[in-house]
Protein backbone atom coordinates (compact mmCIF):
# COMPACT_ATOMS: atom_id res chain seq x y z
CA MET A 1 -30.76 31.13 -67.76
CA ILE A 2 -27.44 31.78 -66.05
CA TYR A 3 -23.86 31.32 -67.16
CA VAL A 4 -20.84 30.27 -65.14
CA VAL A 5 -17.24 30.83 -66.18
CA ALA A 6 -14.76 29.11 -63.87
CA THR A 7 -11.11 29.79 -64.66
CA LEU A 8 -8.47 27.55 -63.08
CA GLU A 9 -4.74 28.18 -62.89
CA LEU A 10 -3.12 24.79 -62.35
CA LYS A 11 -0.03 23.96 -60.36
CA PRO A 12 3.02 23.20 -62.53
CA GLY A 13 2.92 19.73 -64.03
CA SER A 14 -0.68 18.99 -63.03
CA THR A 15 -2.52 19.66 -66.29
CA ASP A 16 -2.97 16.04 -67.37
CA ALA A 17 -4.06 14.97 -63.89
CA ALA A 18 -6.54 17.85 -63.67
CA ILE A 19 -8.14 17.00 -67.02
CA GLU A 20 -8.33 13.33 -66.04
CA ALA A 21 -9.90 14.23 -62.68
CA ALA A 22 -12.40 16.65 -64.24
CA THR A 23 -13.62 14.32 -66.98
CA PRO A 24 -15.99 12.22 -64.80
CA CYS A 25 -17.44 15.44 -63.38
CA VAL A 26 -18.07 16.82 -66.87
CA ILE A 27 -19.77 13.57 -67.94
CA GLU A 28 -22.05 13.42 -64.90
CA THR A 29 -22.82 17.14 -64.82
CA ARG A 30 -24.12 17.07 -68.39
CA LYS A 31 -26.77 14.59 -67.17
CA GLU A 32 -28.06 16.90 -64.42
CA ASP A 33 -31.49 18.48 -64.53
CA GLY A 34 -31.10 22.14 -65.40
CA CYS A 35 -27.70 21.79 -67.09
CA LEU A 36 -27.93 23.23 -70.58
CA SER A 37 -24.22 22.93 -71.35
CA TYR A 38 -21.04 22.22 -69.40
CA ASP A 39 -17.71 22.44 -71.23
CA LEU A 40 -14.11 22.27 -70.13
CA ASN A 41 -11.62 24.20 -72.27
CA GLN A 42 -7.84 24.48 -72.20
CA ASP A 43 -6.04 27.68 -73.12
CA VAL A 44 -4.10 27.02 -76.33
CA LEU A 45 -1.25 29.34 -75.27
CA ASP A 46 -1.12 28.43 -71.58
CA LYS A 47 -1.74 24.72 -71.00
CA SER A 48 -1.92 25.28 -67.24
CA LYS A 49 -5.16 27.28 -67.60
CA LEU A 50 -8.50 25.49 -67.78
CA VAL A 51 -11.87 27.18 -68.19
CA PHE A 52 -15.27 25.67 -67.45
CA VAL A 53 -18.07 27.37 -69.41
CA GLU A 54 -21.52 26.43 -68.17
CA ARG A 55 -25.16 27.28 -68.89
CA TRP A 56 -27.88 26.50 -66.37
CA THR A 57 -31.64 26.98 -66.36
CA GLY A 58 -31.32 28.97 -63.11
CA MET A 59 -29.71 29.31 -59.70
CA ASP A 60 -31.65 26.40 -58.19
CA ALA A 61 -30.11 24.00 -60.72
CA LEU A 62 -26.64 25.44 -60.12
CA LYS A 63 -27.00 25.19 -56.34
CA ALA A 64 -28.10 21.56 -56.66
CA HIS A 65 -25.02 20.91 -58.84
CA PHE A 66 -22.74 22.14 -56.06
CA HIS A 67 -24.03 19.33 -53.81
CA THR A 68 -23.63 16.37 -56.18
CA PRO A 69 -21.23 13.49 -55.46
CA HIS A 70 -19.27 14.12 -58.67
CA MET A 71 -18.66 17.76 -57.67
CA ALA A 72 -17.47 16.63 -54.24
CA ALA A 73 -15.09 14.16 -55.89
CA TRP A 74 -13.79 16.84 -58.29
CA ARG A 75 -13.25 19.36 -55.47
CA GLU A 76 -11.31 16.78 -53.46
CA LYS A 77 -9.01 15.93 -56.38
CA ALA A 78 -8.67 19.54 -57.54
CA ALA A 79 -7.42 20.68 -54.13
CA ASP A 80 -3.98 19.27 -54.94
CA LEU A 81 -3.95 20.40 -58.59
CA VAL A 82 -5.33 23.94 -58.70
CA ALA A 83 -3.18 26.93 -57.72
CA SER A 84 -5.99 29.50 -57.99
CA SER A 85 -9.47 29.88 -59.40
CA THR A 86 -12.02 32.52 -60.31
CA ILE A 87 -15.70 31.69 -60.64
CA GLU A 88 -18.04 34.15 -62.34
CA ILE A 89 -21.81 33.66 -62.24
CA ILE A 90 -23.52 35.71 -64.92
CA ASP A 91 -27.27 36.32 -64.77
CA PRO A 92 -27.89 38.09 -68.07
CA ALA A 93 -30.87 40.34 -68.66
CA ASP A 94 -30.39 40.06 -72.39
CA VAL A 95 -27.96 37.87 -74.30
CA LYS A 96 -27.48 38.34 -78.03
CA THR A 97 -26.31 35.44 -80.15
CA LEU A 98 -24.40 36.24 -83.33
């Protein structure tokens, strides 16, 4: 299993549009083979920060996700809404759940 944490800093005034644009991608991604979870979160103190938290069965599933039509549509819309982003791919050797 791998984890992805994608943090987006949005351009001023684009939060609602970004959430609206991301919603179809979230819906379709959750249907993909290999997607264990795919959540979009908003920072409660900074509404212009969104964080995707994802769990995938492995890199092959994640790579396939990058080439889906809904990801292409999201990337196209996000280009005008996102000021910066950081994507972390975490391949854990051992994850403890509390």
